Protein backbone atom coordinates (compact mmCIF):
# COMPACT_ATOMS: atom_id res chain seq x y z
CA MET A 1 46.05 30.90 47.19
CA SER A 2 45.66 34.68 47.69
CA PHE A 3 43.49 36.43 46.04
CA SER A 4 43.86 39.27 43.72
CA ASN A 5 41.79 42.82 43.62
CA LEU A 6 43.40 43.71 40.35
CA SER A 7 40.84 45.04 38.25
CA LYS A 8 40.41 44.84 34.12
CA ASP A 9 41.67 49.03 34.44
CA GLU A 10 44.69 48.37 36.29
CA ILE A 11 45.94 45.35 34.32
CA LYS A 12 45.08 47.56 31.18
CA ASP A 13 47.24 50.42 32.23
CA VAL A 14 50.36 48.03 32.76
CA ALA A 15 49.87 46.86 29.95
CA ILE A 16 50.03 50.20 27.91
CA LYS A 17 52.62 51.36 30.24
CA LEU A 18 54.77 48.16 29.01
CA TRP A 19 53.42 48.58 25.10
CA ASN A 20 55.05 52.18 25.32
CA TYR A 21 58.26 51.66 26.96
CA CYS A 22 58.83 48.57 23.82
CA LEU A 23 57.60 51.16 21.34
CA LYS A 24 60.28 53.44 22.65
CA ASN A 25 62.62 51.32 22.58
CA ASN A 26 61.87 49.92 18.75
CA PHE A 27 61.26 46.56 20.57
CA SER A 28 65.36 46.16 21.03
CA GLY A 29 67.29 45.35 23.79
CA TYR A 30 69.49 43.25 25.71
CA ASP A 31 68.86 39.35 26.03
CA PRO A 32 70.12 37.30 29.01
CA TYR A 33 72.12 35.30 27.16
CA ASP A 34 74.33 38.05 24.71
CA ALA A 35 77.13 38.27 26.00
CA LEU A 36 78.64 36.49 22.93
CA ASN A 37 77.44 39.67 20.96
CA SER A 38 80.75 41.74 23.03
CA LYS A 39 83.10 43.34 20.53
CA LEU A 40 85.58 43.28 24.02
CA LEU A 41 85.26 39.92 25.11
CA LYS A 42 86.57 38.65 21.72
CA LEU A 43 89.64 40.02 22.31
CA LEU A 44 90.57 38.93 25.19
CA PRO A 45 92.72 35.84 26.01
CA GLY A 46 91.41 32.56 25.60
CA GLY A 47 87.97 34.54 23.91
CA GLY A 48 87.54 31.92 21.75
CA THR A 49 87.51 28.95 23.86
CA ARG A 50 84.37 26.92 24.68
CA PHE A 51 85.01 27.03 28.17
CA PHE A 52 85.14 30.77 28.38
CA ARG A 53 81.98 31.37 26.13
CA LEU A 54 80.11 29.16 28.69
CA ALA A 55 81.67 31.37 31.58
CA ALA A 56 81.00 34.14 30.09
CA THR A 57 77.76 33.93 29.23
CA GLN A 58 76.66 31.98 32.58
CA GLY A 59 78.47 34.99 34.22
CA LEU A 60 76.79 37.68 32.83
CA LYS A 61 73.31 36.24 32.97
CA ARG A 62 73.56 35.82 36.35
CA LEU A 63 75.00 39.59 37.30
CA PRO A 64 72.26 41.83 39.11
CA ILE A 65 74.13 44.78 37.56
CA ASN A 66 73.99 45.35 33.41
CA ILE A 67 77.81 45.89 32.79
CA ARG A 68 76.82 45.51 28.98
CA PRO A 69 77.07 48.56 27.47
CA LEU A 70 81.18 48.81 28.88
CA LEU A 71 81.32 45.38 27.39
CA LEU A 72 80.46 47.07 24.14
CA ILE A 73 77.45 44.83 23.61
CA PRO A 74 74.62 46.66 21.51
CA ARG A 75 70.82 46.71 22.02
CA THR A 76 69.51 43.99 19.24
CA GLN A 77 66.00 43.19 17.91
CA ASN A 78 65.83 39.44 18.45
CA PRO A 79 62.84 37.69 15.75
CA LYS A 80 61.68 35.57 18.76
CA ALA A 81 61.07 38.65 20.84
CA LEU A 82 59.50 40.80 17.82
CA ALA A 83 57.62 36.94 17.54
CA ILE A 84 55.98 37.63 20.80
CA PHE A 85 55.23 41.60 20.66
CA SER A 86 53.60 40.74 17.41
CA LYS A 87 51.38 37.99 19.06
CA ALA A 88 50.60 40.27 22.13
CA ALA A 89 50.15 43.87 19.69
CA LEU A 90 47.12 41.81 17.52
CA ARG A 91 45.55 40.58 20.65
CA LEU A 92 45.68 43.88 22.23
CA ASN A 93 44.79 45.90 18.98
CA GLU A 94 41.57 43.50 18.87
CA ALA A 95 40.70 43.91 22.26
CA GLY A 96 40.76 48.09 21.80
CA ILE A 97 43.38 48.89 24.13
CA ILE A 98 45.87 50.06 21.57
CA LYS A 99 45.89 50.65 18.47
CA ALA A 100 48.48 49.12 16.58
CA SER A 101 48.09 48.41 12.90
CA ASP A 102 51.11 50.09 11.95
CA GLU A 103 53.23 48.57 14.46
CA ILE A 104 51.96 45.20 13.84
CA SER A 105 52.87 45.66 10.14
CA TYR A 106 56.27 46.72 11.24
CA LEU A 107 57.08 44.01 13.24
CA ILE A 108 55.88 41.86 10.43
CA LYS A 109 58.27 43.36 7.70
CA ARG A 110 61.21 43.06 10.83
CA ILE A 111 60.54 39.53 10.84
CA SER A 112 60.61 38.57 7.34
CA GLU A 113 63.77 40.74 6.96
CA LEU A 114 65.27 39.09 9.84
CA ARG A 115 65.21 35.63 8.46
CA SER A 116 68.17 33.29 8.86
CA PRO A 117 70.37 34.31 5.22
CA GLY A 118 71.76 32.25 2.94
CA LEU A 119 68.74 29.36 3.15
CA SER A 120 65.91 28.83 0.35
CA TYR A 121 63.63 28.55 3.88
CA TYR A 122 62.20 31.44 6.06
CA CYS A 123 63.49 30.33 9.36
CA TRP A 124 64.71 32.29 12.04
CA GLY A 125 67.18 32.50 14.92
CA TYR A 126 68.60 34.67 17.44
CA SER A 127 70.16 38.40 17.27
CA PHE A 128 73.48 36.53 19.32
CA PRO A 129 75.40 33.28 19.12
CA TRP A 130 75.03 31.19 21.99
CA GLN A 131 77.55 28.06 23.13
CA THR A 132 75.86 25.39 24.32
CA ARG A 133 77.52 22.32 26.27
CA THR A 134 79.01 21.07 23.05
CA ILE A 135 78.48 23.47 20.26
CA LEU A 136 79.15 27.18 19.30
CA VAL A 137 75.44 28.28 17.83
CA PRO A 138 76.25 31.49 15.46
CA ALA A 139 74.09 34.46 15.91
CA GLY A 140 71.18 34.10 13.68
CA SER A 141 71.84 30.12 12.50
CA PRO A 142 68.18 29.01 11.96
CA ASN A 143 66.81 26.92 15.67
CA LEU A 144 64.03 24.82 15.62
CA VAL A 145 62.74 26.74 19.19
CA CYS A 146 62.75 30.74 17.40
CA THR A 147 61.71 28.50 13.82
CA VAL A 148 58.35 27.65 15.68
CA PHE A 149 57.33 30.91 17.42
CA VAL A 150 57.95 33.18 14.67
CA ALA A 151 55.83 30.37 11.76
CA ASP A 152 53.27 30.46 14.63
CA SER A 153 52.87 34.29 15.19
CA LEU A 154 53.02 34.79 11.70
CA LEU A 155 49.79 32.40 11.18
CA ASP A 156 48.14 34.52 14.09
CA ALA A 157 49.01 37.82 11.83
CA TRP A 158 47.85 36.13 8.46
CA GLN A 159 44.54 35.20 10.58
CA ALA A 160 44.12 38.74 12.03
CA THR A 161 45.07 40.69 8.67
CA GLY A 162 44.46 38.22 5.33
CA ASP A 163 48.40 39.06 4.68
CA ASN A 164 49.34 36.20 2.46
CA HIS A 165 53.01 36.75 2.86
CA CYS A 166 52.64 36.11 6.34
CA LEU A 167 51.32 32.29 5.25
CA GLU A 168 53.70 31.64 2.49
CA MET A 169 56.72 32.52 5.31
CA ALA A 170 54.73 30.09 7.87
CA MET A 171 54.50 27.20 4.97
CA SER A 172 57.97 27.72 4.49
CA ALA A 173 59.47 27.21 8.17
CA GLY A 174 57.20 24.28 8.13
CA GLN A 175 58.74 22.69 5.31
CA TYR A 176 62.18 23.63 6.34
CA ILE A 177 61.44 21.85 10.30
CA LEU A 178 59.87 18.92 7.74
CA ASN A 179 62.80 18.42 5.48
CA GLU A 180 65.63 19.91 7.37
CA LEU A 181 64.95 19.03 10.99
CA TYR A 182 62.79 16.32 11.55
CA TRP A 183 64.26 12.85 11.93
CA ASN A 184 62.89 9.11 12.28
CA ASP A 185 65.19 6.27 13.73
CA ASN A 186 63.10 2.92 14.12
CA GLY A 187 60.15 4.92 15.10
CA ASN A 188 62.18 7.24 17.45
CA SER A 189 60.84 10.21 15.91
CA GLY A 190 62.38 13.64 17.00
CA PHE A 191 62.98 17.39 15.27
CA SER A 192 66.55 18.36 15.83
CA TYR A 193 67.59 21.21 18.21
CA PRO A 194 69.61 23.54 18.13
CA GLN A 195 71.02 22.70 14.80
CA PRO A 196 70.11 20.05 12.01
CA GLY A 197 72.16 16.78 12.81
CA ILE A 198 71.45 16.55 16.05
CA LYS A 199 69.39 13.99 17.31
CA ILE A 200 68.55 14.14 20.86
CA HIS A 201 65.05 14.74 22.47
CA ILE A 202 64.40 18.01 24.18
CA TYR A 203 60.44 17.75 25.04
CA ASN A 204 59.52 20.95 24.82
CA ALA A 205 61.47 21.89 21.65
CA ASP A 206 59.67 18.56 19.86
CA LEU A 207 55.83 19.67 21.44
CA LEU A 208 56.36 22.76 19.93
CA ALA A 209 57.71 21.84 16.20
CA SER A 210 54.69 18.84 16.26
CA ALA A 211 52.25 21.84 17.24
CA LEU A 212 53.22 23.97 14.48
CA LEU A 213 52.94 21.32 12.13
CA ALA A 214 49.58 20.31 13.15
CA ARG A 215 48.77 23.84 12.95
CA LEU A 216 50.18 23.99 9.59
CA SER A 217 48.24 20.84 8.19
CA PHE A 218 45.06 22.30 10.06
CA VAL A 219 45.17 25.66 7.84
CA ASN A 220 46.17 24.38 5.01
CA ASP A 221 44.53 20.77 4.68
CA ASN A 222 48.08 19.21 3.79
CA LYS A 223 48.56 15.81 5.64
CA GLN A 224 52.55 15.73 4.83
CA TYR A 225 52.90 17.26 8.30
CA LEU A 226 50.08 15.70 10.37
CA GLU A 227 52.09 12.07 10.74
CA PRO A 228 55.39 13.71 11.77
CA ALA A 229 54.05 15.92 14.42
CA LEU A 230 51.39 13.02 16.11
CA THR A 231 54.84 10.68 15.61
CA VAL A 232 56.58 12.88 17.49
CA ALA A 233 54.62 14.03 19.96
CA ARG A 234 53.37 10.68 20.92
CA TYR A 235 57.12 9.52 21.74
CA ALA A 236 57.39 12.79 23.98
CA VAL A 237 53.81 11.55 25.26
CA SER A 238 55.63 8.29 26.48
CA ARG A 239 58.37 9.98 28.29
CA GLN A 240 56.05 12.12 30.47
CA ASN A 241 56.85 10.99 34.05
CA GLU A 242 54.27 9.05 36.27
CA ASP A 243 53.53 12.04 38.18
CA GLY A 244 52.65 14.04 35.41
CA SER A 245 55.95 15.81 35.10
CA TRP A 246 58.82 15.93 31.91
CA TYR A 247 62.51 16.24 32.31
CA TYR A 248 63.70 18.94 29.94
CA GLY A 249 65.29 16.28 28.04
CA GLU A 250 67.37 13.32 27.79
CA THR A 251 70.51 13.71 27.53
CA PRO A 252 72.66 13.91 30.70
CA GLY A 253 72.50 16.86 32.49
CA THR A 254 69.11 17.65 31.58
CA ALA A 255 66.90 16.04 33.88
CA TRP A 256 65.61 19.03 35.49
CA ILE A 257 61.66 19.72 35.72
CA ASP A 258 60.84 23.69 35.33
CA ASN A 259 58.04 26.40 35.18
CA PHE A 260 58.07 27.57 31.87
CA HIS A 261 59.07 24.67 29.25
CA THR A 262 56.45 22.81 31.11
CA GLY A 263 53.72 25.27 30.16
CA TYR A 264 55.03 25.09 26.72
CA ASN A 265 54.91 21.45 26.21
CA LEU A 266 50.83 21.68 27.88
CA LEU A 267 49.94 24.30 25.37
CA ALA A 268 51.71 22.37 22.60
CA LEU A 269 49.38 19.28 23.39
CA ARG A 270 46.45 21.58 23.86
CA ASP A 271 47.33 23.01 20.27
CA MET A 272 47.97 19.14 19.13
CA SER A 273 44.41 18.73 20.11
CA LEU A 274 42.63 21.49 18.63
CA TYR A 275 44.18 21.08 15.11
CA THR A 276 43.65 17.27 14.97
CA ARG A 277 40.09 17.44 16.79
CA SER A 278 41.39 14.92 18.72
CA ASP A 279 41.15 13.63 22.34
CA GLU A 280 44.49 11.58 21.90
CA PHE A 281 46.29 13.69 24.71
CA SER A 282 43.52 14.97 26.97
CA ASP A 283 45.16 12.10 29.81
CA SER A 284 48.39 13.66 29.34
CA ILE A 285 47.16 17.34 29.27
CA ARG A 286 45.20 16.45 32.55
CA ARG A 287 47.45 14.75 34.42
CA GLY A 288 50.30 17.03 32.77
CA PHE A 289 48.08 19.94 33.98
CA GLU A 290 47.61 18.78 37.69
CA PHE A 291 51.27 18.53 38.34
CA TYR A 292 51.96 22.02 37.02
CA LYS A 293 49.01 23.52 39.30
CA LYS A 294 50.70 21.80 42.58
CA SER A 295 54.16 22.40 41.86
CA PHE A 296 55.17 25.16 40.58
CA PHE A 297 53.25 27.72 42.83
CA ARG A 298 52.92 29.26 46.26
CA GLU A 299 50.28 30.48 48.22
CA ASP A 300 50.68 34.11 47.95
CA GLY A 301 50.85 33.82 43.99
CA SER A 302 54.89 33.74 43.28
CA PRO A 303 55.78 31.41 40.81
CA LYS A 304 57.87 29.07 41.42
CA TYR A 305 61.04 28.00 38.23
CA TYR A 306 61.89 24.42 39.57
CA HIS A 307 59.66 22.09 40.81
CA ASN A 308 61.09 21.26 43.98
CA LYS A 309 62.88 25.05 44.74
CA LEU A 310 61.61 28.59 44.62
CA TYR A 311 64.23 30.27 43.64
CA PRO A 312 65.13 31.97 41.16
CA ILE A 313 61.65 33.76 40.78
CA ASP A 314 62.00 34.75 37.00
CA ILE A 315 59.82 36.64 35.33
CA HIS A 316 59.52 34.64 32.04
CA CYS A 317 57.92 32.09 34.58
CA ALA A 318 55.60 34.50 35.82
CA ALA A 319 54.61 35.33 32.18
CA GLN A 320 54.24 31.46 31.54
CA SER A 321 52.11 31.05 34.04
CA ILE A 322 49.74 33.70 33.61
CA ILE A 323 49.85 32.49 29.65
CA THR A 324 49.72 28.42 30.70
CA LEU A 325 46.49 29.43 33.66
CA GLU A 326 44.65 31.39 30.88
CA ALA A 327 45.03 28.92 28.18
CA LEU A 328 43.57 26.17 30.09
CA ARG A 329 41.15 28.33 31.95
CA ASP A 330 38.27 24.87 31.10
CA LEU A 331 40.45 22.60 32.92
CA ASP A 332 39.84 23.91 36.29
CA ILE A 333 37.75 27.36 36.91
CA SER A 334 40.41 28.51 39.83
CA ASN A 335 42.75 29.10 36.81
CA GLU A 336 41.46 32.90 36.56
CA ALA A 337 42.46 33.73 40.26
CA LEU A 338 45.15 32.08 40.47
CA ALA A 339 46.89 33.91 36.96
CA LEU A 340 45.35 37.12 38.15
CA SER A 341 47.26 36.32 42.01
CA VAL A 342 50.63 35.88 39.75
CA LEU A 343 50.36 38.70 38.17
CA ASP A 344 49.40 40.73 41.32
CA TRP A 345 52.63 39.30 42.99
CA THR A 346 54.69 40.15 40.06
CA LEU A 347 53.43 43.67 40.00
CA LYS A 348 54.19 44.03 43.51
CA ASN A 349 57.58 42.53 42.93
CA MET A 350 59.03 42.92 39.80
CA TRP A 351 57.33 45.49 38.03
CA ASN A 352 59.15 49.21 37.87
CA LYS A 353 56.78 52.18 37.39
CA ARG A 354 59.04 53.25 34.80
CA GLY A 355 56.90 50.50 32.44
CA TYR A 356 58.91 47.57 32.67
CA PHE A 357 59.69 44.32 34.49
CA TYR A 358 62.73 43.25 36.39
CA TYR A 359 64.88 39.95 35.43
CA GLN A 360 64.27 37.76 38.48
CA VAL A 361 63.84 38.04 42.37
CA MET A 362 66.30 36.03 44.11
CA ARG A 363 66.73 35.01 48.29
CA PHE A 364 68.57 38.56 49.39
CA TYR A 365 68.46 40.79 46.29
CA LYS A 366 66.27 41.49 42.86
CA ASN A 367 68.19 41.40 39.35
CA ARG A 368 66.37 44.75 38.19
CA ILE A 369 67.84 44.72 34.43
CA SER A 370 65.23 45.23 31.57
CA TYR A 371 65.76 42.17 29.39
CA MET A 372 63.19 43.41 25.86
CA ARG A 373 62.68 39.02 24.74
CA TRP A 374 62.99 36.82 27.90
CA SER A 375 61.01 39.55 30.53
CA GLN A 376 59.20 42.69 28.48
CA ALA A 377 57.87 40.64 25.32
CA TRP A 378 56.27 37.76 27.32
CA MET A 379 55.14 39.86 30.13
CA LEU A 380 52.65 41.66 27.78
CA LEU A 381 51.68 38.59 26.00
CA ALA A 382 50.90 37.64 29.22
CA LEU A 383 48.31 40.56 29.94
CA ALA A 384 47.23 40.27 26.60
CA GLU A 385 46.32 36.90 27.73
CA LEU A 386 44.47 37.82 30.87
CA LEU A 387 42.86 41.54 28.37
CA LYS A 388 41.90 39.65 25.02
CA ASN A 389 37.77 38.44 23.93
CA LYS A 390 37.38 35.37 26.10
CA LYS A 391 35.05 33.82 23.62
CA THR A 392 36.77 32.12 20.76
CA ALA A 393 36.10 29.52 18.61
CA PHE A 394 39.55 27.85 19.89
CA ILE A 395 37.84 27.75 23.42
CA ASP A 396 34.61 26.26 21.59
CA CYS A 397 37.27 23.29 19.98
CA LEU A 398 38.98 22.84 23.29
CA LYS A 399 35.39 21.92 25.29
CA SER A 400 34.79 19.76 22.60
CA VAL A 401 37.85 17.36 22.68
CA ILE A 402 38.97 18.01 26.35
CA PRO A 403 36.63 16.59 28.64
């Protein structure tokens, strides 16, 4: 493993430049998956077919030249991005690196305004339609993963600011997940994703939702959330591979193993341990983390996307690698050095000095497009995790439940 000479001041300088870039753009931008926001593509022959929508989305995502203005694709504020920005701003503000009280209030306000329409619950979806292999999910239609990330950020905001509206929105989101998305067929339990009524297992979605419900149970001392959370988490743990890995899901075509979804799984189980005050999942976390650290990093610090191949090197993987290593640093004293090595490599290969990160590094070229949710929001949170105050009650709690 290469070692980084990055100083805290250098990391702080990057974080401030990235924050200012996002602030200048009002946290609004393009997304790798926003092709179906195009006003032009909708007019083309075949534009309403599933095949066309899949081809347009995947084609534009892979194109290293940003032709979105030509396709009349607008920049948007994505609720998930706003949630991640809010998390990062809270940490950077608390560490004294930026003054962001007004911006945090603005982000919370926009999150509230961008809730999915027509429902009594607070829940959220993406700012673009997206075509899965089977269904078209409309823009703004609530989905589990987006709702979980937003609700979790609102709990952070509530704890930091005391704003009870944040707690109310998060609790409402929990009720949405519990009442509309939770399913149990004779002990086979999960949370519907990407839309209600779809009973399949996507492990990171199941575990992320379980962790949120466990947190809500802990915060509100409400046991109704706890049993579904534990039931689903236990099922996902039972599906962990012998080497410690998880496939993305159980349906045909989802048997891949990647960096950032594995990171989601590990941190969700870490949170389950924290909020249930239990070591039930400690062995699963240990085995999963050993696989994670062994499989997704090269000697030079570059983060792999898949466990069995290097390219594409993706900025979301770099960000989640840093976040995961920081969150689980008590499991291995070398985590901090590896996280800094990942950041060092990322800054050398994916950072534009104008204040933003590139999307991907391929074998023969780089995709230098700036994506607000996928790239900038996640990297700002990764930088915030490196810079935040290390001693927290959560770390003390983690020590008590995970050997």
